[in-house]
């Protein structure tokens, strides 16, 4: 029972993080726009991720849909690994650390 509660709590946090990130990306938050510019990503990627992240978040929060959950976790993992590498190459230690924390938080849930 405790394992199931831990699963849903961690999945809920990841799903909500995805939804909040998508809101920041799609609303054109100055921090999101500046962050994508800082690491050298085009702004079109911000829109694509703004569409993909809430879809992943919703899939994670809906019971069932096991195959889609695998793809959602994989997509979020690729996004976090790519963010870590981009921040590291841009010599942005705080961004790299936060991306790594997101990835490490996600890893045990898979």
N, C-alpha and C. Protein backbone atom coordinates (compact mmCIF):
# COMPACT_ATOMS: atom_id res chain seq x y z
N UNK A 1 0.83 -1.20 0.00
CA UNK A 1 0.00 0.00 0.00
C UNK A 1 0.87 1.26 0.00
N UNK A 2 1.93 1.26 0.81
CA UNK A 2 2.81 2.42 0.88
C UNK A 2 3.49 2.67 -0.47
N UNK A 3 3.82 1.59 -1.17
CA UNK A 3 4.45 1.73 -2.48
C UNK A 3 3.50 2.39 -3.48
N UNK A 4 2.23 2.03 -3.40
CA UNK A 4 1.24 2.61 -4.30
C UNK A 4 1.04 4.10 -4.01
N UNK A 5 1.02 4.44 -2.73
CA UNK A 5 0.88 5.85 -2.34
C UNK A 5 2.10 6.64 -2.82
N UNK A 6 3.29 6.09 -2.63
CA UNK A 6 4.51 6.75 -3.09
C UNK A 6 4.50 6.93 -4.60
N UNK A 7 4.03 5.93 -5.32
CA UNK A 7 3.94 6.02 -6.78
C UNK A 7 3.03 7.17 -7.19
N UNK A 8 1.83 7.25 -6.60
CA UNK A 8 0.89 8.27 -7.02
C UNK A 8 1.33 9.67 -6.57
N UNK A 9 1.98 9.77 -5.43
CA UNK A 9 2.48 11.08 -4.99
C UNK A 9 3.57 11.56 -5.94
N UNK A 10 4.54 10.69 -6.25
CA UNK A 10 5.63 11.09 -7.15
C UNK A 10 5.11 11.34 -8.57
N UNK A 11 4.18 10.52 -9.04
CA UNK A 11 3.60 10.71 -10.36
C UNK A 11 2.81 12.01 -10.41
N UNK A 12 2.09 12.32 -9.35
CA UNK A 12 1.34 13.58 -9.28
C UNK A 12 2.26 14.79 -9.33
N UNK A 13 3.38 14.71 -8.63
CA UNK A 13 4.33 15.83 -8.64
C UNK A 13 4.92 16.01 -10.04
N UNK A 14 5.30 14.92 -10.68
CA UNK A 14 5.86 15.01 -12.04
C UNK A 14 4.81 15.54 -13.01
N UNK A 15 3.57 15.06 -12.89
CA UNK A 15 2.51 15.54 -13.76
C UNK A 15 2.24 17.03 -13.58
N UNK A 16 2.21 17.47 -12.33
CA UNK A 16 1.98 18.90 -12.06
C UNK A 16 3.15 19.75 -12.51
N UNK A 17 4.39 19.25 -12.34
CA UNK A 17 5.56 19.98 -12.84
C UNK A 17 5.46 20.15 -14.36
N UNK A 18 5.00 19.14 -15.05
CA UNK A 18 4.85 19.21 -16.50
C UNK A 18 3.78 20.23 -16.89
N UNK A 19 2.68 20.24 -16.16
CA UNK A 19 1.61 21.19 -16.45
C UNK A 19 2.05 22.63 -16.19
N UNK A 20 2.77 22.88 -15.09
CA UNK A 20 3.25 24.23 -14.79
C UNK A 20 4.28 24.68 -15.81
N UNK A 21 5.18 23.78 -16.23
CA UNK A 21 6.18 24.13 -17.24
C UNK A 21 5.50 24.48 -18.55
N UNK A 22 4.50 23.71 -18.92
CA UNK A 22 3.78 23.98 -20.17
C UNK A 22 3.09 25.34 -20.12
N UNK A 23 2.52 25.68 -18.98
CA UNK A 23 1.88 26.99 -18.85
C UNK A 23 2.91 28.10 -19.05
N UNK A 24 4.09 27.95 -18.44
CA UNK A 24 5.14 28.96 -18.59
C UNK A 24 5.61 29.06 -20.04
N UNK A 25 5.74 27.92 -20.70
CA UNK A 25 6.20 27.92 -22.09
C UNK A 25 5.18 28.58 -23.01
N UNK A 26 3.91 28.21 -22.86
CA UNK A 26 2.88 28.69 -23.79
C UNK A 26 2.44 30.12 -23.50
N UNK A 27 2.57 30.56 -22.25
CA UNK A 27 2.17 31.92 -21.92
C UNK A 27 3.24 32.93 -22.30
N UNK A 28 4.41 32.44 -22.71
CA UNK A 28 5.49 33.35 -23.11
C UNK A 28 6.14 34.02 -21.91
N UNK A 29 6.21 33.30 -20.82
CA UNK A 29 6.85 33.82 -19.62
C UNK A 29 8.25 34.34 -19.95
N UNK A 30 8.59 35.53 -19.47
CA UNK A 30 9.92 36.08 -19.77
C UNK A 30 11.06 35.15 -19.35
N UNK A 31 10.89 34.44 -18.23
CA UNK A 31 11.93 33.51 -17.79
C UNK A 31 12.09 32.37 -18.77
N UNK A 32 10.98 31.86 -19.29
CA UNK A 32 11.05 30.75 -20.25
C UNK A 32 11.68 31.21 -21.56
N UNK A 33 11.26 32.36 -22.05
CA UNK A 33 11.82 32.89 -23.30
C UNK A 33 13.31 33.14 -23.14
N UNK A 34 13.69 33.77 -22.04
CA UNK A 34 15.10 34.06 -21.79
C UNK A 34 15.90 32.77 -21.60
N UNK A 35 15.33 31.80 -20.93
CA UNK A 35 16.03 30.53 -20.72
C UNK A 35 16.30 29.79 -22.02
N UNK A 36 15.31 29.76 -22.91
CA UNK A 36 15.51 29.09 -24.20
C UNK A 36 16.54 29.85 -25.04
N UNK A 37 16.50 31.17 -24.98
CA UNK A 37 17.48 31.97 -25.72
C UNK A 37 18.88 31.76 -25.16
N UNK A 38 18.98 31.70 -23.83
CA UNK A 38 20.29 31.55 -23.18
C UNK A 38 21.01 30.26 -23.58
N UNK A 39 20.27 29.17 -23.68
CA UNK A 39 20.90 27.89 -24.04
C UNK A 39 20.98 27.67 -25.54
N UNK A 40 20.43 28.60 -26.33
CA UNK A 40 20.55 28.51 -27.78
C UNK A 40 19.45 27.74 -28.47
N UNK A 41 18.36 27.48 -27.77
CA UNK A 41 17.24 26.77 -28.39
C UNK A 41 16.35 27.77 -29.12
N UNK A 42 15.75 27.37 -30.24
CA UNK A 42 14.80 28.26 -30.92
C UNK A 42 13.49 28.34 -30.13
N UNK A 43 12.79 29.44 -30.28
CA UNK A 43 11.54 29.63 -29.55
C UNK A 43 10.45 28.65 -30.02
N UNK A 44 10.58 28.12 -31.23
CA UNK A 44 9.60 27.14 -31.70
C UNK A 44 9.62 25.88 -30.83
N UNK A 45 10.79 25.53 -30.31
CA UNK A 45 10.88 24.36 -29.42
C UNK A 45 10.11 24.60 -28.13
N UNK A 46 10.09 25.84 -27.67
CA UNK A 46 9.32 26.19 -26.47
C UNK A 46 7.84 25.90 -26.70
N UNK A 47 7.34 26.20 -27.88
CA UNK A 47 5.93 25.95 -28.20
C UNK A 47 5.67 24.44 -28.30
N UNK A 48 6.58 23.73 -28.96
CA UNK A 48 6.41 22.27 -29.11
C UNK A 48 6.40 21.60 -27.74
N UNK A 49 7.35 21.97 -26.88
CA UNK A 49 7.38 21.39 -25.53
C UNK A 49 6.17 21.85 -24.70
N UNK A 50 5.70 23.07 -24.96
CA UNK A 50 4.51 23.56 -24.28
C UNK A 50 3.26 22.77 -24.63
N UNK A 51 3.26 22.15 -25.79
CA UNK A 51 2.14 21.29 -26.18
C UNK A 51 2.36 19.87 -25.68
N UNK A 52 3.60 19.37 -25.76
CA UNK A 52 3.88 17.98 -25.40
C UNK A 52 3.85 17.74 -23.88
N UNK A 53 4.33 18.70 -23.10
CA UNK A 53 4.41 18.46 -21.66
C UNK A 53 3.05 18.32 -20.98
N UNK A 54 2.04 19.13 -21.31
CA UNK A 54 0.76 18.88 -20.64
C UNK A 54 0.12 17.56 -21.07
N UNK A 55 0.36 17.17 -22.33
CA UNK A 55 -0.15 15.87 -22.76
C UNK A 55 0.48 14.75 -21.93
N UNK A 56 1.80 14.85 -21.71
CA UNK A 56 2.49 13.84 -20.89
C UNK A 56 1.97 13.89 -19.46
N UNK A 57 1.78 15.10 -18.92
CA UNK A 57 1.28 15.24 -17.55
C UNK A 57 -0.09 14.63 -17.37
N UNK A 58 -0.97 14.85 -18.33
CA UNK A 58 -2.33 14.28 -18.24
C UNK A 58 -2.28 12.77 -18.34
N UNK A 59 -1.47 12.25 -19.27
CA UNK A 59 -1.36 10.79 -19.42
C UNK A 59 -0.85 10.17 -18.12
N UNK A 60 0.10 10.81 -17.46
CA UNK A 60 0.63 10.26 -16.22
C UNK A 60 -0.41 10.25 -15.11
N UNK A 61 -1.31 11.23 -15.11
CA UNK A 61 -2.28 11.33 -14.02
C UNK A 61 -3.53 10.49 -14.24
N UNK A 62 -3.78 10.06 -15.47
CA UNK A 62 -4.96 9.23 -15.76
C UNK A 62 -4.62 7.77 -15.46
N UNK A 63 -5.43 7.09 -14.66
CA UNK A 63 -5.16 5.67 -14.41
C UNK A 63 -5.26 4.84 -15.69
N UNK A 64 -4.47 3.78 -15.75
CA UNK A 64 -4.44 2.95 -16.95
C UNK A 64 -3.47 3.52 -17.97
N UNK A 65 -3.73 3.29 -19.22
CA UNK A 65 -2.92 3.82 -20.33
C UNK A 65 -1.43 3.51 -20.16
N UNK A 66 -1.11 2.26 -19.86
CA UNK A 66 0.26 1.89 -19.52
C UNK A 66 1.25 2.18 -20.63
N UNK A 67 0.90 1.86 -21.87
CA UNK A 67 1.83 2.09 -22.98
C UNK A 67 2.08 3.59 -23.17
N UNK A 68 1.03 4.40 -23.04
CA UNK A 68 1.21 5.85 -23.17
C UNK A 68 2.03 6.41 -22.02
N UNK A 69 1.87 5.84 -20.81
CA UNK A 69 2.68 6.28 -19.67
C UNK A 69 4.16 6.05 -19.93
N UNK A 70 4.50 4.91 -20.54
CA UNK A 70 5.90 4.64 -20.87
C UNK A 70 6.45 5.72 -21.80
N UNK A 71 5.66 6.08 -22.81
CA UNK A 71 6.09 7.10 -23.76
C UNK A 71 6.18 8.47 -23.09
N UNK A 72 5.25 8.76 -22.18
CA UNK A 72 5.28 10.04 -21.48
C UNK A 72 6.53 10.14 -20.61
N UNK A 73 6.83 9.08 -19.86
CA UNK A 73 8.05 9.09 -19.04
C UNK A 73 9.29 9.20 -19.92
N UNK A 74 9.30 8.50 -21.05
CA UNK A 74 10.45 8.57 -21.95
C UNK A 74 10.62 9.98 -22.50
N UNK A 75 9.54 10.60 -22.93
CA UNK A 75 9.61 11.95 -23.46
C UNK A 75 10.08 12.96 -22.43
N UNK A 76 9.57 12.85 -21.20
CA UNK A 76 10.02 13.76 -20.15
C UNK A 76 11.48 13.53 -19.80
N UNK A 77 11.90 12.27 -19.81
CA UNK A 77 13.30 11.96 -19.54
C UNK A 77 14.20 12.56 -20.61
N UNK A 78 13.82 12.42 -21.88
CA UNK A 78 14.61 13.02 -22.96
C UNK A 78 14.67 14.54 -22.81
N UNK A 79 13.55 15.15 -22.44
CA UNK A 79 13.53 16.61 -22.26
C UNK A 79 14.45 17.03 -21.13
N UNK A 80 14.42 16.29 -20.01
CA UNK A 80 15.27 16.66 -18.87
C UNK A 80 16.75 16.42 -19.16
N UNK A 81 17.07 15.33 -19.82
CA UNK A 81 18.48 15.06 -20.18
C UNK A 81 18.97 16.13 -21.15
N UNK A 82 18.14 16.48 -22.14
CA UNK A 82 18.53 17.52 -23.10
C UNK A 82 18.69 18.87 -22.40
N UNK A 83 17.82 19.17 -21.46
CA UNK A 83 17.93 20.43 -20.71
C UNK A 83 19.22 20.45 -19.89
N UNK A 84 19.56 19.32 -19.27
CA UNK A 84 20.79 19.25 -18.50
C UNK A 84 22.00 19.52 -19.39
N UNK A 85 22.05 18.86 -20.54
CA UNK A 85 23.19 19.02 -21.45
C UNK A 85 23.25 20.46 -21.97
N UNK A 86 22.11 21.03 -22.33
CA UNK A 86 22.09 22.41 -22.85
C UNK A 86 22.57 23.40 -21.79
N UNK A 87 22.09 23.25 -20.56
CA UNK A 87 22.52 24.16 -19.49
C UNK A 87 24.00 23.96 -19.17
N UNK A 88 24.45 22.73 -19.18
CA UNK A 88 25.87 22.45 -18.91
C UNK A 88 26.76 23.09 -19.98
N UNK A 89 26.38 22.94 -21.25
CA UNK A 89 27.18 23.51 -22.33
C UNK A 89 27.12 25.04 -22.35
N UNK A 90 26.03 25.62 -21.83
CA UNK A 90 25.91 27.07 -21.74
C UNK A 90 26.58 27.61 -20.47
N UNK A 91 27.23 26.73 -19.73
CA UNK A 91 27.92 27.06 -18.47
C UNK A 91 26.96 27.70 -17.46
N UNK A 92 25.79 27.11 -17.37
CA UNK A 92 24.75 27.55 -16.44
C UNK A 92 24.58 26.45 -15.39
N UNK A 93 25.36 26.55 -14.32
CA UNK A 93 25.39 25.48 -13.32
C UNK A 93 24.05 25.30 -12.62
N UNK A 94 23.35 26.39 -12.30
CA UNK A 94 22.08 26.25 -11.57
C UNK A 94 21.02 25.58 -12.45
N UNK A 95 20.98 25.93 -13.73
CA UNK A 95 20.03 25.28 -14.65
C UNK A 95 20.35 23.82 -14.84
N UNK A 96 21.64 23.49 -14.93
CA UNK A 96 22.04 22.09 -15.09
C UNK A 96 21.66 21.29 -13.85
N UNK A 97 21.86 21.89 -12.68
CA UNK A 97 21.54 21.18 -11.44
C UNK A 97 20.04 20.95 -11.31
N UNK A 98 19.22 21.94 -11.67
CA UNK A 98 17.78 21.75 -11.56
C UNK A 98 17.27 20.72 -12.57
N UNK A 99 17.86 20.70 -13.76
CA UNK A 99 17.49 19.68 -14.75
C UNK A 99 17.86 18.29 -14.27
N UNK A 100 19.05 18.18 -13.67
CA UNK A 100 19.49 16.88 -13.16
C UNK A 100 18.59 16.42 -12.02
N UNK A 101 18.16 17.33 -11.17
CA UNK A 101 17.25 16.96 -10.07
C UNK A 101 15.92 16.46 -10.61
N UNK A 102 15.40 17.12 -11.66
CA UNK A 102 14.16 16.65 -12.27
C UNK A 102 14.31 15.27 -12.85
N UNK A 103 15.45 15.02 -13.51
CA UNK A 103 15.68 13.70 -14.09
C UNK A 103 15.84 12.65 -12.99
N UNK A 104 16.60 12.95 -11.95
CA UNK A 104 16.82 11.97 -10.89
C UNK A 104 15.54 11.69 -10.12
N UNK A 105 14.67 12.70 -10.02
CA UNK A 105 13.39 12.49 -9.35
C UNK A 105 12.52 11.55 -10.18
N UNK A 106 12.62 11.67 -11.49
CA UNK A 106 11.80 10.86 -12.39
C UNK A 106 12.32 9.42 -12.49
N UNK A 107 13.63 9.23 -12.39
CA UNK A 107 14.24 7.92 -12.65
C UNK A 107 13.66 6.79 -11.79
N UNK A 108 13.48 6.94 -10.47
CA UNK A 108 12.97 5.81 -9.69
C UNK A 108 11.52 5.46 -10.01
N UNK A 109 10.78 6.37 -10.62
CA UNK A 109 9.37 6.12 -10.86
C UNK A 109 9.12 5.22 -12.06
N UNK A 110 10.11 5.04 -12.89
CA UNK A 110 9.89 4.29 -14.13
C UNK A 110 9.91 2.81 -13.91
